[in-house]
């Protein structure tokens, strides 16, 4: 298995310069403590209560400070962006980081984002599918002509190409059984979100495997994103994360995040979602994800509103020192699925 760290939104009353400093510090701590990947979320216009650092400039800044780490978008809202721009930004990043980009994309869901970009929300699926096709063609190095419903290209050539050939792995977020079943039509892998309960994963994994078979592709393992808190005991860890966890998921509910209800109390939210406890308990939980869901790449959100920054750093250090080595004794690295 391989492990990563995710950076997401933060309370808008926190100085963004301080957020940049903390983000850089945590990325370096993760790099020094056996993590192998960094992922950055994307939203726009998160205010007035929240803000987010944009993924591509942030990853480009972090790249030379964490050499050798995979750098992922989790996820980039592809329908909001011209695919030509995305192709050349991602190709630039892939060359900067030595061919370590993981491009996670999604179709988005927040109406105010689409309105503000002048994009019809109802076009998001079509723009996503066409956008991925355009990316792959541009990254081929060939002269490209494309006449789609949303995007048109006439004898163009995109340079530089990504360092990875033919292109970086494309991961796709999907939140319903229907959209999970369509992932292999578009992308290389499905991202199982931190919001998905184990109940949903049990229903979705067979759907995903069947869809892969129809495309003539083998199932090589799952990319899973979870929330994480480590302390000396489960009780202490839950107390540390409780308030910030409820606040984070209430924001998702307010944003109109698809899927299940999120305006719930901690006991309901954490069930089948949160990886929490002492280091030994977390080892058991991670191994269980591999055994039941064939998790091969697993990454975590560890910072929540109001949480002590020192404790967040300690969480990264403890996971890197007390969890990752124990897991890798049983599940050594294999090639990325």
C-alpha atoms as a PDB file:
ATOM      1  CA  UNK A   1       0.000   0.000   0.000  1.00  0.00           C
ATOM      2  CA  UNK A   2       0.912   3.635  -0.457  1.00  0.00           C
ATOM      3  CA  UNK A   3      -0.191   6.540   1.717  1.00  0.00           C
ATOM      4  CA  UNK A   4      -0.841  10.219   1.147  1.00  0.00           C
ATOM      5  CA  UNK A   5      -2.000  13.463   2.736  1.00  0.00           C
ATOM      6  CA  UNK A   6      -4.835  15.714   1.527  1.00  0.00           C
ATOM      7  CA  UNK A   7      -5.131  19.490   1.878  1.00  0.00           C
ATOM      8  CA  UNK A   8      -8.603  21.009   1.655  1.00  0.00           C
ATOM      9  CA  UNK A   9     -10.520  24.082   2.742  1.00  0.00           C
ATOM     10  CA  UNK A  10      -9.822  26.144   5.848  1.00  0.00           C
ATOM     11  CA  UNK A  11     -11.808  28.711   7.902  1.00  0.00           C
ATOM     12  CA  UNK A  12     -11.713  32.078   6.148  1.00  0.00           C
ATOM     13  CA  UNK A  13     -10.857  33.936   9.357  1.00  0.00           C
ATOM     14  CA  UNK A  14      -7.411  32.296   9.342  1.00  0.00           C
ATOM     15  CA  UNK A  15      -4.618  34.332   7.721  1.00  0.00           C
ATOM     16  CA  UNK A  16      -3.908  32.751   4.302  1.00  0.00           C
ATOM     17  CA  UNK A  17      -0.197  33.446   4.727  1.00  0.00           C
ATOM     18  CA  UNK A  18      -0.284  31.318   7.872  1.00  0.00           C
ATOM     19  CA  UNK A  19      -2.214  28.608   6.017  1.00  0.00           C
ATOM     20  CA  UNK A  20       0.485  28.580   3.332  1.00  0.00           C
ATOM     21  CA  UNK A  21       3.160  28.249   6.005  1.00  0.00           C
ATOM     22  CA  UNK A  22       1.340  25.425   7.798  1.00  0.00           C
ATOM     23  CA  UNK A  23       0.593  23.617   4.545  1.00  0.00           C
ATOM     24  CA  UNK A  24       4.239  23.716   3.526  1.00  0.00           C
ATOM     25  CA  UNK A  25       5.365  22.572   6.960  1.00  0.00           C
ATOM     26  CA  UNK A  26       2.906  19.643   6.951  1.00  0.00           C
ATOM     27  CA  UNK A  27       3.896  18.605   3.447  1.00  0.00           C
ATOM     28  CA  UNK A  28       7.542  18.453   4.528  1.00  0.00           C
ATOM     29  CA  UNK A  29       6.628  16.531   7.698  1.00  0.00           C
ATOM     30  CA  UNK A  30       4.670  14.037   5.583  1.00  0.00           C
ATOM     31  CA  UNK A  31       7.614  13.692   3.192  1.00  0.00           C
ATOM     32  CA  UNK A  32       9.957  12.929   6.098  1.00  0.00           C
ATOM     33  CA  UNK A  33       7.543  10.432   7.665  1.00  0.00           C
ATOM     34  CA  UNK A  34       6.939   7.815   4.987  1.00  0.00           C
ATOM     35  CA  UNK A  35       4.010   9.433   3.168  1.00  0.00           C
ATOM     36  CA  UNK A  36       4.352   9.055  -0.595  1.00  0.00           C
ATOM     37  CA  UNK A  37       1.729  11.433  -2.003  1.00  0.00           C
ATOM     38  CA  UNK A  38       0.154  14.849  -1.520  1.00  0.00           C
ATOM     39  CA  UNK A  39      -3.338  15.656  -2.775  1.00  0.00           C
ATOM     40  CA  UNK A  40      -5.059  19.041  -2.956  1.00  0.00           C
ATOM     41  CA  UNK A  41      -8.796  19.651  -3.236  1.00  0.00           C
ATOM     42  CA  UNK A  42     -10.409  22.304  -5.412  1.00  0.00           C
ATOM     43  CA  UNK A  43     -13.397  24.603  -5.042  1.00  0.00           C
ATOM     44  CA  UNK A  44     -14.061  28.214  -5.917  1.00  0.00           C
ATOM     45  CA  UNK A  45     -15.952  30.956  -4.085  1.00  0.00           C
ATOM     46  CA  UNK A  46     -16.052  29.096  -0.785  1.00  0.00           C
ATOM     47  CA  UNK A  47     -16.777  32.200   1.319  1.00  0.00           C
ATOM     48  CA  UNK A  48     -17.792  33.797   3.499  1.00  0.00           C
ATOM     49  CA  UNK A  49     -16.869  31.119   6.046  1.00  0.00           C
ATOM     50  CA  UNK A  50     -14.296  29.036   4.174  1.00  0.00           C
ATOM     51  CA  UNK A  51     -11.398  29.411   1.751  1.00  0.00           C
ATOM     52  CA  UNK A  52      -9.120  27.102  -0.220  1.00  0.00           C
ATOM     53  CA  UNK A  53      -5.665  27.308  -1.792  1.00  0.00           C
ATOM     54  CA  UNK A  54      -5.829  26.459  -5.488  1.00  0.00           C
ATOM     55  CA  UNK A  55      -4.349  23.079  -6.311  1.00  0.00           C
ATOM     56  CA  UNK A  56      -2.051  23.540  -9.307  1.00  0.00           C
ATOM     57  CA  UNK A  57      -0.102  26.575  -8.031  1.00  0.00           C
ATOM     58  CA  UNK A  58       0.115  25.014  -4.565  1.00  0.00           C
ATOM     59  CA  UNK A  59       1.408  21.682  -5.866  1.00  0.00           C
ATOM     60  CA  UNK A  60       3.875  23.489  -8.127  1.00  0.00           C
ATOM     61  CA  UNK A  61       5.215  25.373  -5.100  1.00  0.00           C
ATOM     62  CA  UNK A  62       5.446  22.218  -2.979  1.00  0.00           C
ATOM     63  CA  UNK A  63       7.037  20.030  -5.670  1.00  0.00           C
ATOM     64  CA  UNK A  64      10.716  20.958  -5.076  1.00  0.00           C
ATOM     65  CA  UNK A  65      10.252  20.771  -1.305  1.00  0.00           C
ATOM     66  CA  UNK A  66       8.991  17.170  -1.326  1.00  0.00           C
ATOM     67  CA  UNK A  67      11.090  15.479  -4.041  1.00  0.00           C
ATOM     68  CA  UNK A  68       9.889  12.072  -5.116  1.00  0.00           C
ATOM     69  CA  UNK A  69       6.346  12.398  -3.780  1.00  0.00           C
ATOM     70  CA  UNK A  70       3.319  11.871  -5.992  1.00  0.00           C
ATOM     71  CA  UNK A  71       1.308  15.078  -6.434  1.00  0.00           C
ATOM     72  CA  UNK A  72      -2.426  14.752  -6.978  1.00  0.00           C
ATOM     73  CA  UNK A  73      -5.503  16.861  -7.559  1.00  0.00           C
ATOM     74  CA  UNK A  74      -8.401  15.550  -5.531  1.00  0.00           C
ATOM     75  CA  UNK A  75     -10.291  16.668  -7.369  1.00  0.00           C
ATOM     76  CA  UNK A  76      -9.972  19.268 -10.153  1.00  0.00           C
ATOM     77  CA  UNK A  77     -13.401  20.397 -11.384  1.00  0.00           C
ATOM     78  CA  UNK A  78     -12.720  19.750 -15.047  1.00  0.00           C
ATOM     79  CA  UNK A  79     -15.964  21.142 -16.582  1.00  0.00           C
ATOM     80  CA  UNK A  80     -15.074  24.612 -15.269  1.00  0.00           C
ATOM     81  CA  UNK A  81     -11.742  24.747 -17.100  1.00  0.00           C
ATOM     82  CA  UNK A  82     -10.690  24.859 -20.756  1.00  0.00           C
ATOM     83  CA  UNK A  83      -9.014  21.486 -21.359  1.00  0.00           C
ATOM     84  CA  UNK A  84      -6.180  23.118 -23.321  1.00  0.00           C
ATOM     85  CA  UNK A  85      -5.260  25.096 -20.211  1.00  0.00           C
ATOM     86  CA  UNK A  86      -5.486  22.026 -17.974  1.00  0.00           C
ATOM     87  CA  UNK A  87      -3.386  19.970 -20.399  1.00  0.00           C
ATOM     88  CA  UNK A  88      -0.516  22.438 -20.389  1.00  0.00           C
ATOM     89  CA  UNK A  89      -0.677  23.241 -16.662  1.00  0.00           C
ATOM     90  CA  UNK A  90      -0.632  19.548 -15.739  1.00  0.00           C
ATOM     91  CA  UNK A  91       2.122  18.790 -18.258  1.00  0.00           C
ATOM     92  CA  UNK A  92       4.206  21.572 -16.726  1.00  0.00           C
ATOM     93  CA  UNK A  93       3.622  20.215 -13.215  1.00  0.00           C
ATOM     94  CA  UNK A  94       4.464  16.665 -14.308  1.00  0.00           C
ATOM     95  CA  UNK A  95       7.817  17.837 -15.636  1.00  0.00           C
ATOM     96  CA  UNK A  96       8.481  19.901 -12.512  1.00  0.00           C
ATOM     97  CA  UNK A  97       7.939  16.932 -10.185  1.00  0.00           C
ATOM     98  CA  UNK A  98       9.686  14.245 -12.207  1.00  0.00           C
ATOM     99  CA  UNK A  99       6.604  12.516 -13.596  1.00  0.00           C
ATOM    100  CA  UNK A 100       4.680  12.083 -10.353  1.00  0.00           C
ATOM    101  CA  UNK A 101       1.318  13.724 -11.122  1.00  0.00           C
ATOM    102  CA  UNK A 102      -1.960  11.944 -10.352  1.00  0.00           C
ATOM    103  CA  UNK A 103      -4.757  13.884 -12.053  1.00  0.00           C
ATOM    104  CA  UNK A 104      -7.972  13.512 -10.100  1.00  0.00           C
ATOM    105  CA  UNK A 105     -10.969  15.096 -11.824  1.00  0.00           C
ATOM    106  CA  UNK A 106     -14.679  15.383 -11.151  1.00  0.00           C
ATOM    107  CA  UNK A 107     -17.774  16.910 -12.653  1.00  0.00           C
ATOM    108  CA  UNK A 108     -18.539  19.265  -9.746  1.00  0.00           C
ATOM    109  CA  UNK A 109     -21.856  19.986  -8.080  1.00  0.00           C
ATOM    110  CA  UNK A 110     -21.969  23.529  -6.654  1.00  0.00           C
ATOM    111  CA  UNK A 111     -24.325  25.690  -8.684  1.00  0.00           C
ATOM    112  CA  UNK A 112     -22.688  28.989  -7.710  1.00  0.00           C
ATOM    113  CA  UNK A 113     -19.342  27.812  -9.111  1.00  0.00           C
ATOM    114  CA  UNK A 114     -20.878  26.963 -12.476  1.00  0.00           C
ATOM    115  CA  UNK A 115     -22.904  30.186 -12.664  1.00  0.00           C
ATOM    116  CA  UNK A 116     -19.842  32.266 -11.840  1.00  0.00           C
ATOM    117  CA  UNK A 117     -17.819  30.572 -14.588  1.00  0.00           C
ATOM    118  CA  UNK A 118     -20.652  30.946 -17.088  1.00  0.00           C
ATOM    119  CA  UNK A 119     -21.009  27.172 -17.459  1.00  0.00           C
ATOM    120  CA  UNK A 120     -24.365  25.387 -17.430  1.00  0.00           C
ATOM    121  CA  UNK A 121     -24.465  22.933 -14.512  1.00  0.00           C
ATOM    122  CA  UNK A 122     -26.449  20.498 -16.661  1.00  0.00           C
ATOM    123  CA  UNK A 123     -23.557  20.291 -19.129  1.00  0.00           C
ATOM    124  CA  UNK A 124     -21.076  19.078 -16.532  1.00  0.00           C
ATOM    125  CA  UNK A 125     -21.100  15.368 -17.466  1.00  0.00           C
ATOM    126  CA  UNK A 126     -20.687  16.077 -21.167  1.00  0.00           C
ATOM    127  CA  UNK A 127     -17.928  18.594 -20.544  1.00  0.00           C
ATOM    128  CA  UNK A 128     -16.143  16.143 -18.255  1.00  0.00           C
ATOM    129  CA  UNK A 129     -16.190  13.321 -20.802  1.00  0.00           C
ATOM    130  CA  UNK A 130     -15.140  15.548 -23.701  1.00  0.00           C
ATOM    131  CA  UNK A 131     -12.552  17.286 -21.549  1.00  0.00           C
ATOM    132  CA  UNK A 132     -10.789  14.038 -20.640  1.00  0.00           C
ATOM    133  CA  UNK A 133     -10.767  12.967 -24.290  1.00  0.00           C
ATOM    134  CA  UNK A 134      -9.224  16.299 -25.298  1.00  0.00           C
ATOM    135  CA  UNK A 135      -6.562  15.973 -22.578  1.00  0.00           C
ATOM    136  CA  UNK A 136      -5.525  12.536 -23.771  1.00  0.00           C
ATOM    137  CA  UNK A 137      -5.331  13.675 -27.388  1.00  0.00           C
ATOM    138  CA  UNK A 138      -3.329  16.790 -26.579  1.00  0.00           C
ATOM    139  CA  UNK A 139      -0.883  14.758 -24.499  1.00  0.00           C
ATOM    140  CA  UNK A 140      -0.283  12.334 -27.391  1.00  0.00           C
ATOM    141  CA  UNK A 141       2.155  14.760 -28.994  1.00  0.00           C
ATOM    142  CA  UNK A 142       0.260  14.545 -32.275  1.00  0.00           C
ATOM    143  CA  UNK A 143      -1.406  17.383 -34.154  1.00  0.00           C
ATOM    144  CA  UNK A 144      -4.993  17.379 -32.901  1.00  0.00           C
ATOM    145  CA  UNK A 145      -8.279  18.285 -34.530  1.00  0.00           C
ATOM    146  CA  UNK A 146     -11.405  17.785 -32.435  1.00  0.00           C
ATOM    147  CA  UNK A 147     -15.008  18.727 -33.080  1.00  0.00           C
ATOM    148  CA  UNK A 148     -17.075  18.094 -29.976  1.00  0.00           C
ATOM    149  CA  UNK A 149     -20.236  19.597 -28.582  1.00  0.00           C
ATOM    150  CA  UNK A 150     -18.327  21.732 -26.079  1.00  0.00           C
ATOM    151  CA  UNK A 151     -14.749  21.897 -27.324  1.00  0.00           C
ATOM    152  CA  UNK A 152     -13.289  22.391 -30.799  1.00  0.00           C
ATOM    153  CA  UNK A 153      -9.654  22.211 -31.869  1.00  0.00           C
ATOM    154  CA  UNK A 154      -8.248  22.725 -35.347  1.00  0.00           C
ATOM    155  CA  UNK A 155      -4.821  21.260 -36.099  1.00  0.00           C
ATOM    156  CA  UNK A 156      -3.168  22.168 -32.799  1.00  0.00           C
ATOM    157  CA  UNK A 157      -0.158  20.735 -31.016  1.00  0.00           C
ATOM    158  CA  UNK A 158       0.300  20.999 -27.246  1.00  0.00           C
ATOM    159  CA  UNK A 159       3.757  21.270 -25.699  1.00  0.00           C
ATOM    160  CA  UNK A 160       5.300  20.381 -23.353  1.00  0.00           C
ATOM    161  CA  UNK A 161       4.025  16.850 -23.045  1.00  0.00           C
ATOM    162  CA  UNK A 162       3.794  15.271 -19.592  1.00  0.00           C
ATOM    163  CA  UNK A 163       6.877  13.349 -18.526  1.00  0.00           C
ATOM    164  CA  UNK A 164       4.697  10.277 -17.927  1.00  0.00           C
ATOM    165  CA  UNK A 165       3.760   8.351 -21.059  1.00  0.00           C
ATOM    166  CA  UNK A 166       1.253   8.359 -22.493  1.00  0.00           C
ATOM    167  CA  UNK A 167      -0.044  10.656 -19.731  1.00  0.00           C
ATOM    168  CA  UNK A 168      -0.501  10.918 -15.947  1.00  0.00           C
ATOM    169  CA  UNK A 169      -3.043   8.523 -14.423  1.00  0.00           C
ATOM    170  CA  UNK A 170      -6.520  10.042 -14.539  1.00  0.00           C
ATOM    171  CA  UNK A 171      -8.631   9.415 -11.434  1.00  0.00           C
ATOM    172  CA  UNK A 172     -12.340  10.208 -11.329  1.00  0.00           C
ATOM    173  CA  UNK A 173     -14.578  11.019  -8.394  1.00  0.00           C
ATOM    174  CA  UNK A 174     -18.057   9.461  -8.468  1.00  0.00           C
ATOM    175  CA  UNK A 175     -20.708   9.512  -5.735  1.00  0.00           C
ATOM    176  CA  UNK A 176     -23.543   7.280  -6.992  1.00  0.00           C
ATOM    177  CA  UNK A 177     -23.690   3.690  -8.188  1.00  0.00           C
ATOM    178  CA  UNK A 178     -24.598   4.934 -11.667  1.00  0.00           C
ATOM    179  CA  UNK A 179     -21.610   7.260 -11.942  1.00  0.00           C
ATOM    180  CA  UNK A 180     -19.247   4.691 -10.391  1.00  0.00           C
ATOM    181  CA  UNK A 181     -20.298   2.299 -13.147  1.00  0.00           C
ATOM    182  CA  UNK A 182     -19.325   4.860 -15.766  1.00  0.00           C
ATOM    183  CA  UNK A 183     -15.854   5.644 -14.412  1.00  0.00           C
ATOM    184  CA  UNK A 184     -13.978   3.147 -16.647  1.00  0.00           C
ATOM    185  CA  UNK A 185     -15.507   4.752 -19.742  1.00  0.00           C
ATOM    186  CA  UNK A 186     -13.602   7.943 -18.949  1.00  0.00           C
ATOM    187  CA  UNK A 187     -10.804   7.473 -16.435  1.00  0.00           C
ATOM    188  CA  UNK A 188      -8.113   5.081 -15.296  1.00  0.00           C
ATOM    189  CA  UNK A 189      -9.307   4.764 -11.695  1.00  0.00           C
ATOM    190  CA  UNK A 190     -12.172   5.612  -9.358  1.00  0.00           C
ATOM    191  CA  UNK A 191     -11.565   7.715  -6.230  1.00  0.00           C
ATOM    192  CA  UNK A 192     -13.561   6.357  -3.297  1.00  0.00           C
ATOM    193  CA  UNK A 193     -14.296   9.503  -1.297  1.00  0.00           C
ATOM    194  CA  UNK A 194     -13.924  10.166   2.417  1.00  0.00           C
ATOM    195  CA  UNK A 195     -17.678  10.825   2.436  1.00  0.00           C
ATOM    196  CA  UNK A 196     -18.518   7.301   1.286  1.00  0.00           C
ATOM    197  CA  UNK A 197     -19.546   4.895   4.015  1.00  0.00           C
ATOM    198  CA  UNK A 198     -18.364   1.308   3.978  1.00  0.00           C
ATOM    199  CA  UNK A 199     -21.935   0.342   3.166  1.00  0.00           C
ATOM    200  CA  UNK A 200     -21.740   2.386  -0.036  1.00  0.00           C
ATOM    201  CA  UNK A 201     -18.303   0.977  -0.870  1.00  0.00           C
ATOM    202  CA  UNK A 202     -19.630  -2.576  -0.499  1.00  0.00           C
ATOM    203  CA  UNK A 203     -22.354  -1.775  -3.013  1.00  0.00           C
ATOM    204  CA  UNK A 204     -20.146   0.231  -5.366  1.00  0.00           C
ATOM    205  CA  UNK A 205     -17.076  -1.991  -5.630  1.00  0.00           C
ATOM    206  CA  UNK A 206     -18.838  -4.827  -7.529  1.00  0.00           C
ATOM    207  CA  UNK A 207     -20.376  -2.226  -9.850  1.00  0.00           C
ATOM    208  CA  UNK A 208     -16.934  -0.770 -10.524  1.00  0.00           C
ATOM    209  CA  UNK A 209     -15.335  -4.170 -11.118  1.00  0.00           C
ATOM    210  CA  UNK A 210     -18.096  -5.170 -13.546  1.00  0.00           C
ATOM    211  CA  UNK A 211     -17.674  -1.907 -15.450  1.00  0.00           C
ATOM    212  CA  UNK A 212     -13.928  -2.527 -15.719  1.00  0.00           C
ATOM    213  CA  UNK A 213     -14.559  -6.021 -17.083  1.00  0.00           C
ATOM    214  CA  UNK A 214     -16.833  -4.598 -19.774  1.00  0.00           C
ATOM    215  CA  UNK A 215     -13.950  -2.369 -20.849  1.00  0.00           C
ATOM    216  CA  UNK A 216     -11.601  -5.345 -20.900  1.00  0.00           C
ATOM    217  CA  UNK A 217      -9.552  -3.978 -18.027  1.00  0.00           C
ATOM    218  CA  UNK A 218      -8.450  -5.756 -14.837  1.00  0.00           C
ATOM    219  CA  UNK A 219      -9.160  -4.437 -11.358  1.00  0.00           C
ATOM    220  CA  UNK A 220      -5.787  -3.544  -9.812  1.00  0.00           C
ATOM    221  CA  UNK A 221      -6.840  -2.005  -6.511  1.00  0.00           C
ATOM    222  CA  UNK A 222      -8.721   0.977  -5.147  1.00  0.00           C
ATOM    223  CA  UNK A 223      -7.782   4.585  -4.445  1.00  0.00           C
ATOM    224  CA  UNK A 224      -9.466   5.447  -1.123  1.00  0.00           C
ATOM    225  CA  UNK A 225      -9.614   8.832   0.624  1.00  0.00           C
ATOM    226  CA  UNK A 226     -10.491   8.912   4.364  1.00  0.00           C
ATOM    227  CA  UNK A 227     -10.437  11.168   7.417  1.00  0.00           C
ATOM    228  CA  UNK A 228      -7.889  10.336  10.114  1.00  0.00           C
ATOM    229  CA  UNK A 229      -7.208  11.065  13.765  1.00  0.00           C
ATOM    230  CA  UNK A 230      -4.620   9.312  15.965  1.00  0.00           C
ATOM    231  CA  UNK A 231      -4.132   9.642  19.717  1.00  0.00           C
ATOM    232  CA  UNK A 232      -3.239   7.377  22.620  1.00  0.00           C
ATOM    233  CA  UNK A 233      -6.794   6.019  22.703  1.00  0.00           C
ATOM    234  CA  UNK A 234      -9.937   6.019  20.586  1.00  0.00           C
ATOM    235  CA  UNK A 235     -11.687   8.156  23.182  1.00  0.00           C
ATOM    236  CA  UNK A 236      -9.002  10.853  23.079  1.00  0.00           C
ATOM    237  CA  UNK A 237      -8.828  10.809  19.273  1.00  0.00           C
ATOM    238  CA  UNK A 238     -12.590  11.184  18.948  1.00  0.00           C
ATOM    239  CA  UNK A 239     -12.640  14.085  21.379  1.00  0.00           C
ATOM    240  CA  UNK A 240      -9.852  15.796  19.435  1.00  0.00           C
ATOM    241  CA  UNK A 241     -11.671  15.606  16.118  1.00  0.00           C
ATOM    242  CA  UNK A 242     -15.343  15.771  17.126  1.00  0.00           C
ATOM    243  CA  UNK A 243     -16.170  19.492  16.798  1.00  0.00           C
ATOM    244  CA  UNK A 244     -14.124  20.155  13.676  1.00  0.00           C
ATOM    245  CA  UNK A 245     -15.456  17.016  12.012  1.00  0.00           C
ATOM    246  CA  UNK A 246     -19.071  18.073  12.538  1.00  0.00           C
ATOM    247  CA  UNK A 247     -18.298  21.580  11.233  1.00  0.00           C
ATOM    248  CA  UNK A 248     -16.570  20.264   8.111  1.00  0.00           C
ATOM    249  CA  UNK A 249     -19.431  17.963   7.163  1.00  0.00           C
ATOM    250  CA  UNK A 250     -22.072  20.586   7.912  1.00  0.00           C
ATOM    251  CA  UNK A 251     -20.318  22.753   5.324  1.00  0.00           C
ATOM    252  CA  UNK A 252     -20.654  19.955   2.771  1.00  0.00           C
ATOM    253  CA  UNK A 253     -24.370  19.801   3.497  1.00  0.00           C
ATOM    254  CA  UNK A 254     -24.668  23.564   3.021  1.00  0.00           C
ATOM    255  CA  UNK A 255     -22.765  23.354  -0.261  1.00  0.00           C
ATOM    256  CA  UNK A 256     -25.205  20.772  -1.602  1.00  0.00           C
ATOM    257  CA  UNK A 257     -22.717  17.904  -1.663  1.00  0.00           C
ATOM    258  CA  UNK A 258     -24.411  14.906  -3.339  1.00  0.00           C
ATOM    259  CA  UNK A 259     -24.741  11.587  -1.586  1.00  0.00           C
ATOM    260  CA  UNK A 260     -25.911  11.090   1.977  1.00  0.00           C
ATOM    261  CA  UNK A 261     -27.027  13.631   4.577  1.00  0.00           C
ATOM    262  CA  UNK A 262     -24.186  15.338   6.398  1.00  0.00           C
ATOM    263  CA  UNK A 263     -25.961  17.597   8.910  1.00  0.00           C
ATOM    264  CA  UNK A 264     -25.567  14.865  11.515  1.00  0.00           C
ATOM    265  CA  UNK A 265     -23.949  14.457  14.889  1.00  0.00           C
ATOM    266  CA  UNK A 266     -20.465  13.039  15.238  1.00  0.00           C
ATOM    267  CA  UNK A 267     -21.538   9.527  16.227  1.00  0.00           C
ATOM    268  CA  UNK A 268     -23.515   9.160  13.003  1.00  0.00           C
ATOM    269  CA  UNK A 269     -20.979  10.889  10.763  1.00  0.00           C
ATOM    270  CA  UNK A 270     -17.985   8.866  11.900  1.00  0.00           C
ATOM    271  CA  UNK A 271     -19.646   5.496  11.380  1.00  0.00           C
ATOM    272  CA  UNK A 272     -17.915   3.635   8.548  1.00  0.00           C
ATOM    273  CA  UNK A 273     -16.063   6.801   7.457  1.00  0.00           C
ATOM    274  CA  UNK A 274     -13.487   7.846  10.028  1.00  0.00           C
ATOM    275  CA  UNK A 275     -10.162   6.097  10.645  1.00  0.00           C
ATOM    276  CA  UNK A 276      -9.648   6.847  14.328  1.00  0.00           C
ATOM    277  CA  UNK A 277      -7.928   5.465  17.405  1.00  0.00           C
ATOM    278  CA  UNK A 278      -4.539   4.509  18.785  1.00  0.00           C
ATOM    279  CA  UNK A 279      -1.761   3.651  16.323  1.00  0.00           C
ATOM    280  CA  UNK A 280      -2.339  -0.084  16.706  1.00  0.00           C
ATOM    281  CA  UNK A 281      -6.074   0.351  16.159  1.00  0.00           C
ATOM    282  CA  UNK A 282      -5.439   2.468  13.069  1.00  0.00           C
ATOM    283  CA  UNK A 283      -3.110  -0.231  11.689  1.00  0.00           C
ATOM    284  CA  UNK A 284      -5.947  -2.743  12.029  1.00  0.00           C
ATOM    285  CA  UNK A 285      -8.417  -0.398  10.338  1.00  0.00           C
ATOM    286  CA  UNK A 286      -6.096   0.287   7.402  1.00  0.00           C
ATOM    287  CA  UNK A 287      -5.398  -3.411   6.905  1.00  0.00           C
ATOM    288  CA  UNK A 288      -9.144  -4.035   6.975  1.00  0.00           C
ATOM    289  CA  UNK A 289      -9.629  -1.548   4.126  1.00  0.00           C
ATOM    290  CA  UNK A 290      -7.086  -3.457   2.093  1.00  0.00           C
ATOM    291  CA  UNK A 291      -8.607  -6.829   2.897  1.00  0.00           C
ATOM    292  CA  UNK A 292     -12.232  -5.884   2.196  1.00  0.00           C
ATOM    293  CA  UNK A 293     -11.879  -3.259  -0.533  1.00  0.00           C
ATOM    294  CA  UNK A 294      -8.431  -4.007  -1.987  1.00  0.00           C
ATOM    295  CA  UNK A 295      -7.232  -0.505  -1.100  1.00  0.00           C
ATOM    296  CA  UNK A 296      -3.813   0.066  -2.679  1.00  0.00           C
ATOM    297  CA  UNK A 297      -3.523   3.855  -2.380  1.00  0.00           C
ATOM    298  CA  UNK A 298      -5.000   5.477   0.724  1.00  0.00           C
ATOM    299  CA  UNK A 299      -4.770   9.127   1.662  1.00  0.00           C
ATOM    300  CA  UNK A 300      -6.092  11.151   4.543  1.00  0.00           C
ATOM    301  CA  UNK A 301      -7.412  14.496   5.688  1.00  0.00           C
ATOM    302  CA  UNK A 302      -5.978  15.194   9.136  1.00  0.00           C
ATOM    303  CA  UNK A 303      -6.754  18.888   9.762  1.00  0.00           C
ATOM    304  CA  UNK A 304     -10.194  20.051  10.855  1.00  0.00           C
ATOM    305  CA  UNK A 305     -11.551  23.456  11.937  1.00  0.00           C
ATOM    306  CA  UNK A 306     -10.364  24.463  15.391  1.00  0.00           C
ATOM    307  CA  UNK A 307      -7.860  21.618  15.745  1.00  0.00           C
ATOM    308  CA  UNK A 308      -4.541  22.355  17.479  1.00  0.00           C
ATOM    309  CA  UNK A 309      -1.848  22.730  14.769  1.00  0.00           C
ATOM    310  CA  UNK A 310       0.683  20.957  16.986  1.00  0.00           C
ATOM    311  CA  UNK A 311      -1.628  17.956  17.283  1.00  0.00           C
ATOM    312  CA  UNK A 312      -2.018  17.832  13.479  1.00  0.00           C
ATOM    313  CA  UNK A 313       1.759  17.633  13.103  1.00  0.00           C
ATOM    314  CA  UNK A 314       1.905  14.906  15.758  1.00  0.00           C
ATOM    315  CA  UNK A 315      -0.770  12.954  13.880  1.00  0.00           C
ATOM    316  CA  UNK A 316       1.360  12.956  10.736  1.00  0.00           C
ATOM    317  CA  UNK A 317       4.461  11.932  12.667  1.00  0.00           C
ATOM    318  CA  UNK A 318       2.693   9.123  14.515  1.00  0.00           C
ATOM    319  CA  UNK A 319       1.026   7.770  11.393  1.00  0.00           C
ATOM    320  CA  UNK A 320       4.351   7.825   9.570  1.00  0.00           C
ATOM    321  CA  UNK A 321       6.333   6.238  12.398  1.00  0.00           C
ATOM    322  CA  UNK A 322       3.831   3.894  14.054  1.00  0.00           C
ATOM    323  CA  UNK A 323       1.313   2.961  11.349  1.00  0.00           C
ATOM    324  CA  UNK A 324       2.903   2.986   7.893  1.00  0.00           C
ATOM    325  CA  UNK A 325       5.866   0.704   8.781  1.00  0.00           C
ATOM    326  CA  UNK A 326       3.548  -1.828  10.424  1.00  0.00           C
ATOM    327  CA  UNK A 327       1.238  -1.886   7.416  1.00  0.00           C
ATOM    328  CA  UNK A 328       4.110  -2.193   4.947  1.00  0.00           C
ATOM    329  CA  UNK A 329       5.491  -5.202   6.826  1.00  0.00           C
ATOM    330  CA  UNK A 330       2.376  -7.023   5.659  1.00  0.00           C
ATOM    331  CA  UNK A 331       1.623  -5.081   2.476  1.00  0.00           C
ATOM    332  CA  UNK A 332       4.829  -3.904   0.794  1.00  0.00           C
ATOM    333  CA  UNK A 333       4.680  -1.446  -2.082  1.00  0.00           C
ATOM    334  CA  UNK A 334       3.470  -2.662  -5.425  1.00  0.00           C
ATOM    335  CA  UNK A 335       3.373  -0.569  -8.612  1.00  0.00           C
ATOM    336  CA  UNK A 336       0.672   2.090  -8.561  1.00  0.00           C
ATOM    337  CA  UNK A 337      -2.601   0.478  -9.705  1.00  0.00           C
END
